Full PDB file with SEQRES, HELIX, SHEET, SSBOND, CRYST1, ORIGX, SCALE, CONECT and MASTER records, all heavy atoms in Angstrom:
SEQRES   1 A   39  ALA SER LEU ILE TYR LEU LEU LEU ILE SER THR LEU ALA          
SEQRES   2 A   39  ALA CYS SER ASP GLY SER ASP ASN SER ASP ASN SER SER          
SEQRES   3 A   39  ARG SER VAL ALA LEU GLU ILE THR ASP THR PRO GLY SER          
HELIX    1 AA1 SER A    2  CYS A   15  1                                  14    
HELIX    2 AA2 ASN A   24  ARG A   27  5                                   4    
CRYST1    1.000    1.000    1.000  90.00  90.00  90.00 P 1           1          
ORIGX1      1.000000  0.000000  0.000000        0.00000                         
ORIGX2      0.000000  1.000000  0.000000        0.00000                         
ORIGX3      0.000000  0.000000  1.000000        0.00000                         
SCALE1      1.000000  0.000000  0.000000        0.00000                         
SCALE2      0.000000  1.000000  0.000000        0.00000                         
SCALE3      0.000000  0.000000  1.000000        0.00000                         
ATOM      1  N   ALA A   1      31.833  -0.586  12.059  1.00  0.00           N  
ATOM      2  CA  ALA A   1      31.530  -1.242  10.794  1.00  0.00           C  
ATOM      3  C   ALA A   1      31.214  -2.713  11.007  1.00  0.00           C  
ATOM      4  O   ALA A   1      30.311  -3.275  10.381  1.00  0.00           O  
ATOM      5  CB  ALA A   1      32.700  -1.082   9.826  1.00  0.00           C  
ATOM      6  N   SER A   2      31.955  -3.354  11.922  1.00  0.00           N  
ATOM      7  CA  SER A   2      31.696  -4.763  12.222  1.00  0.00           C  
ATOM      8  C   SER A   2      30.310  -4.947  12.837  1.00  0.00           C  
ATOM      9  O   SER A   2      29.583  -5.887  12.507  1.00  0.00           O  
ATOM     10  CB  SER A   2      32.763  -5.296  13.178  1.00  0.00           C  
ATOM     11  OG  SER A   2      34.039  -5.211  12.598  1.00  0.00           O  
ATOM     12  N   LEU A   3      29.928  -4.043  13.736  1.00  0.00           N  
ATOM     13  CA  LEU A   3      28.614  -4.136  14.363  1.00  0.00           C  
ATOM     14  C   LEU A   3      27.499  -3.917  13.346  1.00  0.00           C  
ATOM     15  O   LEU A   3      26.475  -4.616  13.366  1.00  0.00           O  
ATOM     16  CB  LEU A   3      28.511  -3.108  15.495  1.00  0.00           C  
ATOM     17  CG  LEU A   3      29.413  -3.360  16.709  1.00  0.00           C  
ATOM     18  CD1 LEU A   3      29.296  -2.208  17.704  1.00  0.00           C  
ATOM     19  CD2 LEU A   3      29.060  -4.679  17.399  1.00  0.00           C  
ATOM     20  N   ILE A   4      27.698  -2.959  12.444  1.00  0.00           N  
ATOM     21  CA  ILE A   4      26.705  -2.721  11.403  1.00  0.00           C  
ATOM     22  C   ILE A   4      26.585  -3.938  10.507  1.00  0.00           C  
ATOM     23  O   ILE A   4      25.494  -4.344  10.105  1.00  0.00           O  
ATOM     24  CB  ILE A   4      27.076  -1.472  10.580  1.00  0.00           C  
ATOM     25  CG1 ILE A   4      26.954  -0.220  11.452  1.00  0.00           C  
ATOM     26  CG2 ILE A   4      26.194  -1.333   9.344  1.00  0.00           C  
ATOM     27  CD1 ILE A   4      27.505   1.031  10.803  1.00  0.00           C  
ATOM     28  N   TYR A   5      27.712  -4.570  10.184  1.00  0.00           N  
ATOM     29  CA  TYR A   5      27.720  -5.774   9.371  1.00  0.00           C  
ATOM     30  C   TYR A   5      26.884  -6.871  10.022  1.00  0.00           C  
ATOM     31  O   TYR A   5      26.034  -7.492   9.387  1.00  0.00           O  
ATOM     32  CB  TYR A   5      29.159  -6.236   9.180  1.00  0.00           C  
ATOM     33  CG  TYR A   5      29.315  -7.640   8.657  1.00  0.00           C  
ATOM     34  CD1 TYR A   5      29.002  -7.927   7.333  1.00  0.00           C  
ATOM     35  CD2 TYR A   5      29.770  -8.671   9.470  1.00  0.00           C  
ATOM     36  CE1 TYR A   5      29.150  -9.201   6.842  1.00  0.00           C  
ATOM     37  CE2 TYR A   5      29.908  -9.942   8.990  1.00  0.00           C  
ATOM     38  CZ  TYR A   5      29.606 -10.219   7.666  1.00  0.00           C  
ATOM     39  OH  TYR A   5      29.747 -11.478   7.186  1.00  0.00           O  
ATOM     40  N   LEU A   6      27.085  -7.091  11.302  1.00  0.00           N  
ATOM     41  CA  LEU A   6      26.332  -8.125  12.017  1.00  0.00           C  
ATOM     42  C   LEU A   6      24.853  -7.786  12.059  1.00  0.00           C  
ATOM     43  O   LEU A   6      23.995  -8.659  11.919  1.00  0.00           O  
ATOM     44  CB  LEU A   6      26.890  -8.283  13.431  1.00  0.00           C  
ATOM     45  CG  LEU A   6      28.306  -8.863  13.532  1.00  0.00           C  
ATOM     46  CD1 LEU A   6      28.779  -8.835  14.987  1.00  0.00           C  
ATOM     47  CD2 LEU A   6      28.348 -10.277  12.989  1.00  0.00           C  
ATOM     48  N   LEU A   7      24.538  -6.497  12.263  1.00  0.00           N  
ATOM     49  CA  LEU A   7      23.145  -6.084  12.304  1.00  0.00           C  
ATOM     50  C   LEU A   7      22.455  -6.331  10.965  1.00  0.00           C  
ATOM     51  O   LEU A   7      21.330  -6.825  10.903  1.00  0.00           O  
ATOM     52  CB  LEU A   7      23.061  -4.598  12.661  1.00  0.00           C  
ATOM     53  CG  LEU A   7      21.655  -3.971  12.648  1.00  0.00           C  
ATOM     54  CD1 LEU A   7      20.753  -4.668  13.650  1.00  0.00           C  
ATOM     55  CD2 LEU A   7      21.731  -2.483  12.950  1.00  0.00           C  
ATOM     56  N   LEU A   8      23.153  -6.014   9.864  1.00  0.00           N  
ATOM     57  CA  LEU A   8      22.566  -6.202   8.540  1.00  0.00           C  
ATOM     58  C   LEU A   8      22.372  -7.676   8.226  1.00  0.00           C  
ATOM     59  O   LEU A   8      21.370  -8.074   7.622  1.00  0.00           O  
ATOM     60  CB  LEU A   8      23.442  -5.543   7.482  1.00  0.00           C  
ATOM     61  CG  LEU A   8      23.439  -4.020   7.478  1.00  0.00           C  
ATOM     62  CD1 LEU A   8      24.474  -3.502   6.500  1.00  0.00           C  
ATOM     63  CD2 LEU A   8      22.069  -3.492   7.102  1.00  0.00           C  
ATOM     64  N   ILE A   9      23.343  -8.501   8.611  1.00  0.00           N  
ATOM     65  CA  ILE A   9      23.206  -9.944   8.398  1.00  0.00           C  
ATOM     66  C   ILE A   9      21.977 -10.468   9.128  1.00  0.00           C  
ATOM     67  O   ILE A   9      21.184 -11.251   8.606  1.00  0.00           O  
ATOM     68  CB  ILE A   9      24.470 -10.687   8.898  1.00  0.00           C  
ATOM     69  CG1 ILE A   9      25.630 -10.425   7.925  1.00  0.00           C  
ATOM     70  CG2 ILE A   9      24.211 -12.175   9.016  1.00  0.00           C  
ATOM     71  CD1 ILE A   9      25.451 -11.046   6.557  1.00  0.00           C  
ATOM     72  N   SER A  10      21.780 -10.011  10.386  1.00  0.00           N  
ATOM     73  CA  SER A  10      20.632 -10.444  11.171  1.00  0.00           C  
ATOM     74  C   SER A  10      19.332  -9.979  10.536  1.00  0.00           C  
ATOM     75  O   SER A  10      18.344 -10.710  10.478  1.00  0.00           O  
ATOM     76  CB  SER A  10      20.735  -9.897  12.604  1.00  0.00           C  
ATOM     77  OG  SER A  10      21.910 -10.350  13.228  1.00  0.00           O  
ATOM     78  N   THR A  11      19.335  -8.744  10.035  1.00  0.00           N  
ATOM     79  CA  THR A  11      18.132  -8.199   9.416  1.00  0.00           C  
ATOM     80  C   THR A  11      17.761  -8.967   8.160  1.00  0.00           C  
ATOM     81  O   THR A  11      16.602  -9.307   7.932  1.00  0.00           O  
ATOM     82  CB  THR A  11      18.333  -6.714   9.062  1.00  0.00           C  
ATOM     83  OG1 THR A  11      18.648  -6.008  10.259  1.00  0.00           O  
ATOM     84  CG2 THR A  11      17.080  -6.118   8.441  1.00  0.00           C  
ATOM     85  N   LEU A  12      18.760  -9.281   7.324  1.00  0.00           N  
ATOM     86  CA  LEU A  12      18.491 -10.036   6.107  1.00  0.00           C  
ATOM     87  C   LEU A  12      17.963 -11.424   6.420  1.00  0.00           C  
ATOM     88  O   LEU A  12      17.063 -11.933   5.760  1.00  0.00           O  
ATOM     89  CB  LEU A  12      19.764 -10.137   5.264  1.00  0.00           C  
ATOM     90  CG  LEU A  12      20.226  -8.842   4.581  1.00  0.00           C  
ATOM     91  CD1 LEU A  12      21.557  -9.072   3.891  1.00  0.00           C  
ATOM     92  CD2 LEU A  12      19.187  -8.370   3.588  1.00  0.00           C  
ATOM     93  N   ALA A  13      18.532 -12.046   7.431  1.00  0.00           N  
ATOM     94  CA  ALA A  13      18.065 -13.366   7.819  1.00  0.00           C  
ATOM     95  C   ALA A  13      16.634 -13.327   8.323  1.00  0.00           C  
ATOM     96  O   ALA A  13      15.821 -14.202   8.040  1.00  0.00           O  
ATOM     97  CB  ALA A  13      18.992 -13.953   8.896  1.00  0.00           C  
ATOM     98  N   ALA A  14      16.304 -12.276   9.077  1.00  0.00           N  
ATOM     99  CA  ALA A  14      14.954 -12.154   9.621  1.00  0.00           C  
ATOM    100  C   ALA A  14      13.929 -11.893   8.526  1.00  0.00           C  
ATOM    101  O   ALA A  14      12.783 -12.315   8.607  1.00  0.00           O  
ATOM    102  CB  ALA A  14      14.912 -11.022  10.647  1.00  0.00           C  
ATOM    103  N   CYS A  15      14.343 -11.191   7.465  1.00  0.00           N  
ATOM    104  CA  CYS A  15      13.422 -10.845   6.392  1.00  0.00           C  
ATOM    105  C   CYS A  15      13.236 -11.969   5.389  1.00  0.00           C  
ATOM    106  O   CYS A  15      12.305 -11.939   4.595  1.00  0.00           O  
ATOM    107  CB  CYS A  15      13.916  -9.600   5.655  1.00  0.00           C  
ATOM    108  SG  CYS A  15      13.856  -8.097   6.666  1.00  0.00           S  
ATOM    109  N   SER A  16      14.137 -12.951   5.393  1.00  0.00           N  
ATOM    110  CA  SER A  16      14.033 -14.030   4.425  1.00  0.00           C  
ATOM    111  C   SER A  16      12.934 -14.999   4.803  1.00  0.00           C  
ATOM    112  O   SER A  16      12.735 -15.340   5.966  1.00  0.00           O  
ATOM    113  CB  SER A  16      15.379 -14.771   4.361  1.00  0.00           C  
ATOM    114  OG  SER A  16      15.281 -15.906   3.548  1.00  0.00           O  
ATOM    115  N   ASP A  17      12.180 -15.490   3.775  1.00  0.00           N  
ATOM    116  CA  ASP A  17      11.129 -16.469   4.061  1.00  0.00           C  
ATOM    117  C   ASP A  17      11.618 -17.885   3.869  1.00  0.00           C  
ATOM    118  O   ASP A  17      10.865 -18.847   4.028  1.00  0.00           O  
ATOM    119  CB  ASP A  17       9.900 -16.217   3.172  1.00  0.00           C  
ATOM    120  CG  ASP A  17      10.211 -16.338   1.696  1.00  0.00           C  
ATOM    121  OD1 ASP A  17      11.359 -16.715   1.357  1.00  0.00           O  
ATOM    122  OD2 ASP A  17       9.307 -16.064   0.880  1.00  0.00           O  
ATOM    123  N   GLY A  18      12.910 -18.021   3.470  1.00  0.00           N  
ATOM    124  CA  GLY A  18      13.499 -19.336   3.352  1.00  0.00           C  
ATOM    125  C   GLY A  18      13.123 -20.074   2.087  1.00  0.00           C  
ATOM    126  O   GLY A  18      13.541 -21.206   1.875  1.00  0.00           O  
ATOM    127  N   SER A  19      12.326 -19.482   1.217  1.00  0.00           N  
ATOM    128  CA  SER A  19      11.904 -20.152  -0.001  1.00  0.00           C  
ATOM    129  C   SER A  19      12.773 -19.743  -1.165  1.00  0.00           C  
ATOM    130  O   SER A  19      13.480 -18.752  -1.135  1.00  0.00           O  
ATOM    131  CB  SER A  19      10.440 -19.812  -0.317  1.00  0.00           C  
ATOM    132  OG  SER A  19      10.326 -18.452  -0.673  1.00  0.00           O  
ATOM    133  N   ASP A  20      12.705 -20.521  -2.257  1.00  0.00           N  
ATOM    134  CA  ASP A  20      13.450 -20.227  -3.462  1.00  0.00           C  
ATOM    135  C   ASP A  20      12.576 -19.592  -4.530  1.00  0.00           C  
ATOM    136  O   ASP A  20      12.992 -19.419  -5.668  1.00  0.00           O  
ATOM    137  CB  ASP A  20      14.062 -21.526  -4.039  1.00  0.00           C  
ATOM    138  CG  ASP A  20      15.108 -22.114  -3.105  1.00  0.00           C  
ATOM    139  OD1 ASP A  20      15.772 -21.322  -2.426  1.00  0.00           O  
ATOM    140  OD2 ASP A  20      15.239 -23.354  -3.066  1.00  0.00           O  
ATOM    141  N   ASN A  21      11.325 -19.244  -4.180  1.00  0.00           N  
ATOM    142  CA  ASN A  21      10.376 -18.723  -5.146  1.00  0.00           C  
ATOM    143  C   ASN A  21      10.191 -17.225  -5.040  1.00  0.00           C  
ATOM    144  O   ASN A  21       9.248 -16.670  -5.585  1.00  0.00           O  
ATOM    145  CB  ASN A  21       9.014 -19.409  -4.971  1.00  0.00           C  
ATOM    146  CG  ASN A  21       9.106 -20.910  -5.217  1.00  0.00           C  
ATOM    147  OD1 ASN A  21       9.819 -21.343  -6.114  1.00  0.00           O  
ATOM    148  ND2 ASN A  21       8.395 -21.688  -4.401  1.00  0.00           N  
ATOM    149  N   SER A  22      11.074 -16.553  -4.317  1.00  0.00           N  
ATOM    150  CA  SER A  22      10.942 -15.114  -4.153  1.00  0.00           C  
ATOM    151  C   SER A  22      11.231 -14.412  -5.468  1.00  0.00           C  
ATOM    152  O   SER A  22      11.935 -14.925  -6.336  1.00  0.00           O  
ATOM    153  CB  SER A  22      11.889 -14.602  -3.064  1.00  0.00           C  
ATOM    154  OG  SER A  22      13.212 -14.923  -3.397  1.00  0.00           O  
ATOM    155  N   ASP A  23      10.710 -13.215  -5.616  1.00  0.00           N  
ATOM    156  CA  ASP A  23      10.900 -12.433  -6.832  1.00  0.00           C  
ATOM    157  C   ASP A  23      12.269 -11.785  -6.816  1.00  0.00           C  
ATOM    158  O   ASP A  23      12.539 -10.877  -6.054  1.00  0.00           O  
ATOM    159  CB  ASP A  23       9.814 -11.359  -6.910  1.00  0.00           C  
ATOM    160  CG  ASP A  23       9.929 -10.542  -8.195  1.00  0.00           C  
ATOM    161  OD1 ASP A  23      10.799 -10.878  -9.024  1.00  0.00           O  
ATOM    162  OD2 ASP A  23       9.136  -9.592  -8.340  1.00  0.00           O  
ATOM    163  N   ASN A  24      13.170 -12.268  -7.676  1.00  0.00           N  
ATOM    164  CA  ASN A  24      14.536 -11.757  -7.677  1.00  0.00           C  
ATOM    165  C   ASN A  24      14.617 -10.314  -8.108  1.00  0.00           C  
ATOM    166  O   ASN A  24      15.608  -9.637  -7.844  1.00  0.00           O  
ATOM    167  CB  ASN A  24      15.417 -12.609  -8.607  1.00  0.00           C  
ATOM    168  CG  ASN A  24      15.705 -13.972  -8.020  1.00  0.00           C  
ATOM    169  OD1 ASN A  24      15.727 -14.134  -6.806  1.00  0.00           O  
ATOM    170  ND2 ASN A  24      15.901 -14.968  -8.879  1.00  0.00           N  
ATOM    171  N   SER A  25      13.581  -9.814  -8.807  1.00  0.00           N  
ATOM    172  CA  SER A  25      13.640  -8.427  -9.259  1.00  0.00           C  
ATOM    173  C   SER A  25      13.670  -7.456  -8.100  1.00  0.00           C  
ATOM    174  O   SER A  25      14.152  -6.337  -8.229  1.00  0.00           O  
ATOM    175  CB  SER A  25      12.433  -8.118 -10.159  1.00  0.00           C  
ATOM    176  OG  SER A  25      11.226  -8.226  -9.419  1.00  0.00           O  
ATOM    177  N   SER A  26      13.162  -7.876  -6.926  1.00  0.00           N  
ATOM    178  CA  SER A  26      13.151  -6.988  -5.775  1.00  0.00           C  
ATOM    179  C   SER A  26      14.544  -6.775  -5.209  1.00  0.00           C  
ATOM    180  O   SER A  26      14.766  -5.867  -4.437  1.00  0.00           O  
ATOM    181  CB  SER A  26      12.237  -7.557  -4.676  1.00  0.00           C  
ATOM    182  OG  SER A  26      12.760  -8.790  -4.206  1.00  0.00           O  
ATOM    183  N   ARG A  27      15.489  -7.630  -5.611  1.00  0.00           N  
ATOM    184  CA  ARG A  27      16.847  -7.506  -5.090  1.00  0.00           C  
ATOM    185  C   ARG A  27      17.659  -6.467  -5.850  1.00  0.00           C  
ATOM    186  O   ARG A  27      18.715  -6.056  -5.408  1.00  0.00           O  
ATOM    187  CB  ARG A  27      17.549  -8.875  -5.169  1.00  0.00           C  
ATOM    188  CG  ARG A  27      16.841  -9.940  -4.343  1.00  0.00           C  
ATOM    189  CD  ARG A  27      17.533 -11.279  -4.495  1.00  0.00           C  
ATOM    190  NE  ARG A  27      16.806 -12.330  -3.800  1.00  0.00           N  
ATOM    191  CZ  ARG A  27      17.148 -13.613  -3.843  1.00  0.00           C  
ATOM    192  NH1 ARG A  27      18.198 -13.989  -4.548  1.00  0.00           N  
ATOM    193  NH2 ARG A  27      16.442 -14.514  -3.201  1.00  0.00           N  
ATOM    194  N   SER A  28      17.203  -6.104  -7.023  1.00  0.00           N  
ATOM    195  CA  SER A  28      17.898  -5.096  -7.809  1.00  0.00           C  
ATOM    196  C   SER A  28      16.852  -4.169  -8.403  1.00  0.00           C  
ATOM    197  O   SER A  28      16.369  -4.370  -9.506  1.00  0.00           O  
ATOM    198  CB  SER A  28      18.724  -5.767  -8.916  1.00  0.00           C  
ATOM    199  OG  SER A  28      19.404  -4.789  -9.655  1.00  0.00           O  
ATOM    200  N   VAL A  29      16.487  -3.169  -7.629  1.00  0.00           N  
ATOM    201  CA  VAL A  29      15.373  -2.309  -7.988  1.00  0.00           C  
ATOM    202  C   VAL A  29      15.834  -1.189  -8.904  1.00  0.00           C  
ATOM    203  O   VAL A  29      16.844  -0.549  -8.657  1.00  0.00           O  
ATOM    204  CB  VAL A  29      14.736  -1.701  -6.718  1.00  0.00           C  
ATOM    205  CG1 VAL A  29      13.571  -0.793  -7.099  1.00  0.00           C  
ATOM    206  CG2 VAL A  29      14.267  -2.805  -5.790  1.00  0.00           C  
ATOM    207  N   ALA A  30      15.094  -0.960  -9.977  1.00  0.00           N  
ATOM    208  CA  ALA A  30      15.334   0.190 -10.831  1.00  0.00           C  
ATOM    209  C   ALA A  30      14.306   1.257 -10.475  1.00  0.00           C  
ATOM    210  O   ALA A  30      13.100   1.010 -10.507  1.00  0.00           O  
ATOM    211  CB  ALA A  30      15.212  -0.194 -12.308  1.00  0.00           C  
ATOM    212  N   LEU A  31      14.773   2.434 -10.085  1.00  0.00           N  
ATOM    213  CA  LEU A  31      13.874   3.494  -9.677  1.00  0.00           C  
ATOM    214  C   LEU A  31      13.273   4.176 -10.898  1.00  0.00           C  
ATOM    215  O   LEU A  31      13.997   4.604 -11.796  1.00  0.00           O  
ATOM    216  CB  LEU A  31      14.635   4.521  -8.833  1.00  0.00           C  
ATOM    217  CG  LEU A  31      15.279   3.973  -7.562  1.00  0.00           C  
ATOM    218  CD1 LEU A  31      15.887   5.116  -6.762  1.00  0.00           C  
ATOM    219  CD2 LEU A  31      14.270   3.230  -6.700  1.00  0.00           C  
ATOM    220  N   GLU A  32      11.957   4.260 -10.950  1.00  0.00           N  
ATOM    221  CA  GLU A  32      11.284   4.863 -12.087  1.00  0.00           C  
ATOM    222  C   GLU A  32      10.912   6.311 -11.776  1.00  0.00           C  
ATOM    223  O   GLU A  32      10.462   6.620 -10.679  1.00  0.00           O  
ATOM    224  CB  GLU A  32      10.026   4.072 -12.438  1.00  0.00           C  
ATOM    225  CG  GLU A  32      10.323   2.644 -12.908  1.00  0.00           C  
ATOM    226  CD  GLU A  32       9.067   1.902 -13.297  1.00  0.00           C  
ATOM    227  OE1 GLU A  32       7.969   2.499 -13.196  1.00  0.00           O  
ATOM    228  OE2 GLU A  32       9.178   0.746 -13.723  1.00  0.00           O  
ATOM    229  N   ILE A  33      11.094   7.176 -12.743  1.00  0.00           N  
ATOM    230  CA  ILE A  33      10.794   8.593 -12.607  1.00  0.00           C  
ATOM    231  C   ILE A  33       9.639   8.941 -13.541  1.00  0.00           C  
ATOM    232  O   ILE A  33       9.686   8.645 -14.735  1.00  0.00           O  
ATOM    233  CB  ILE A  33      12.016   9.460 -12.954  1.00  0.00           C  
ATOM    234  CG1 ILE A  33      13.195   9.096 -12.054  1.00  0.00           C  
ATOM    235  CG2 ILE A  33      11.685  10.938 -12.818  1.00  0.00           C  
ATOM    236  CD1 ILE A  33      12.956   9.323 -10.581  1.00  0.00           C  
ATOM    237  N   THR A  34       8.593   9.553 -13.006  1.00  0.00           N  
ATOM    238  CA  THR A  34       7.438   9.910 -13.818  1.00  0.00           C  
ATOM    239  C   THR A  34       7.361  11.414 -14.072  1.00  0.00           C  
ATOM    240  O   THR A  34       6.508  11.859 -14.837  1.00  0.00           O  
ATOM    241  CB  THR A  34       6.135   9.454 -13.135  1.00  0.00           C  
ATOM    242  OG1 THR A  34       6.049  10.047 -11.831  1.00  0.00           O  
ATOM    243  CG2 THR A  34       6.109   7.938 -12.998  1.00  0.00           C  
ATOM    244  N   ASP A  35       8.232  12.210 -13.451  1.00  0.00           N  
ATOM    245  CA  ASP A  35       8.240  13.650 -13.682  1.00  0.00           C  
ATOM    246  C   ASP A  35       8.712  13.965 -15.105  1.00  0.00           C  
ATOM    247  O   ASP A  35       9.386  13.164 -15.753  1.00  0.00           O  
ATOM    248  CB  ASP A  35       9.161  14.352 -12.679  1.00  0.00           C  
ATOM    249  CG  ASP A  35       8.635  14.267 -11.262  1.00  0.00           C  
ATOM    250  OD1 ASP A  35       7.431  14.015 -11.108  1.00  0.00           O  
ATOM    251  OD2 ASP A  35       9.427  14.448 -10.328  1.00  0.00           O  
ATOM    252  N   THR A  36       8.381  15.137 -15.571  1.00  0.00           N  
ATOM    253  CA  THR A  36       8.786  15.563 -16.901  1.00  0.00           C  
ATOM    254  C   THR A  36      10.295  15.799 -16.949  1.00  0.00           C  
ATOM    255  O   THR A  36      10.844  16.468 -16.082  1.00  0.00           O  
ATOM    256  CB  THR A  36       8.061  16.870 -17.284  1.00  0.00           C  
ATOM    257  OG1 THR A  36       6.654  16.650 -17.205  1.00  0.00           O  
ATOM    258  CG2 THR A  36       8.438  17.300 -18.687  1.00  0.00           C  
ATOM    259  N   PRO A  37      10.986  15.253 -17.964  1.00  0.00           N  
ATOM    260  CA  PRO A  37      12.426  15.506 -18.079  1.00  0.00           C  
ATOM    261  C   PRO A  37      12.706  16.985 -18.295  1.00  0.00           C  
ATOM    262  O   PRO A  37      11.844  17.742 -18.748  1.00  0.00           O  
ATOM    263  CB  PRO A  37      12.838  14.677 -19.300  1.00  0.00           C  
ATOM    264  CG  PRO A  37      11.741  13.697 -19.501  1.00  0.00           C  
ATOM    265  CD  PRO A  37      10.492  14.343 -19.002  1.00  0.00           C  
ATOM    266  N   GLY A  38      13.933  17.392 -18.001  1.00  0.00           N  
ATOM    267  CA  GLY A  38      14.337  18.760 -18.266  1.00  0.00           C  
ATOM    268  C   GLY A  38      14.565  18.984 -19.749  1.00  0.00           C  
ATOM    269  O   GLY A  38      14.405  18.075 -20.572  1.00  0.00           O  
ATOM    270  N   SER A  39      14.993  20.175 -20.098  1.00  0.00           N  
ATOM    271  CA  SER A  39      15.151  20.545 -21.502  1.00  0.00           C  
ATOM    272  C   SER A  39      16.478  20.123 -22.106  1.00  0.00           C  
ATOM    273  O   SER A  39      16.646  20.136 -23.332  1.00  0.00           O  
ATOM    274  CB  SER A  39      14.990  22.061 -21.649  1.00  0.00           C  
ATOM    275  OG  SER A  39      15.992  22.738 -20.891  1.00  0.00           O  
TER     276      SER A  39                                                      
MASTER        0    0    0    2    0    0    0    6  275    1    0    3          
END                                                                             
């Protein structure tokens, strides 16, 4: 678990562009469903 934690921290740091103008909506994604609902 500790190793996974370190790996994720490194991954997040690598993916960050360092700016404050990023789209915050991407941090909390709502999954949209287009299929027909059931009955």
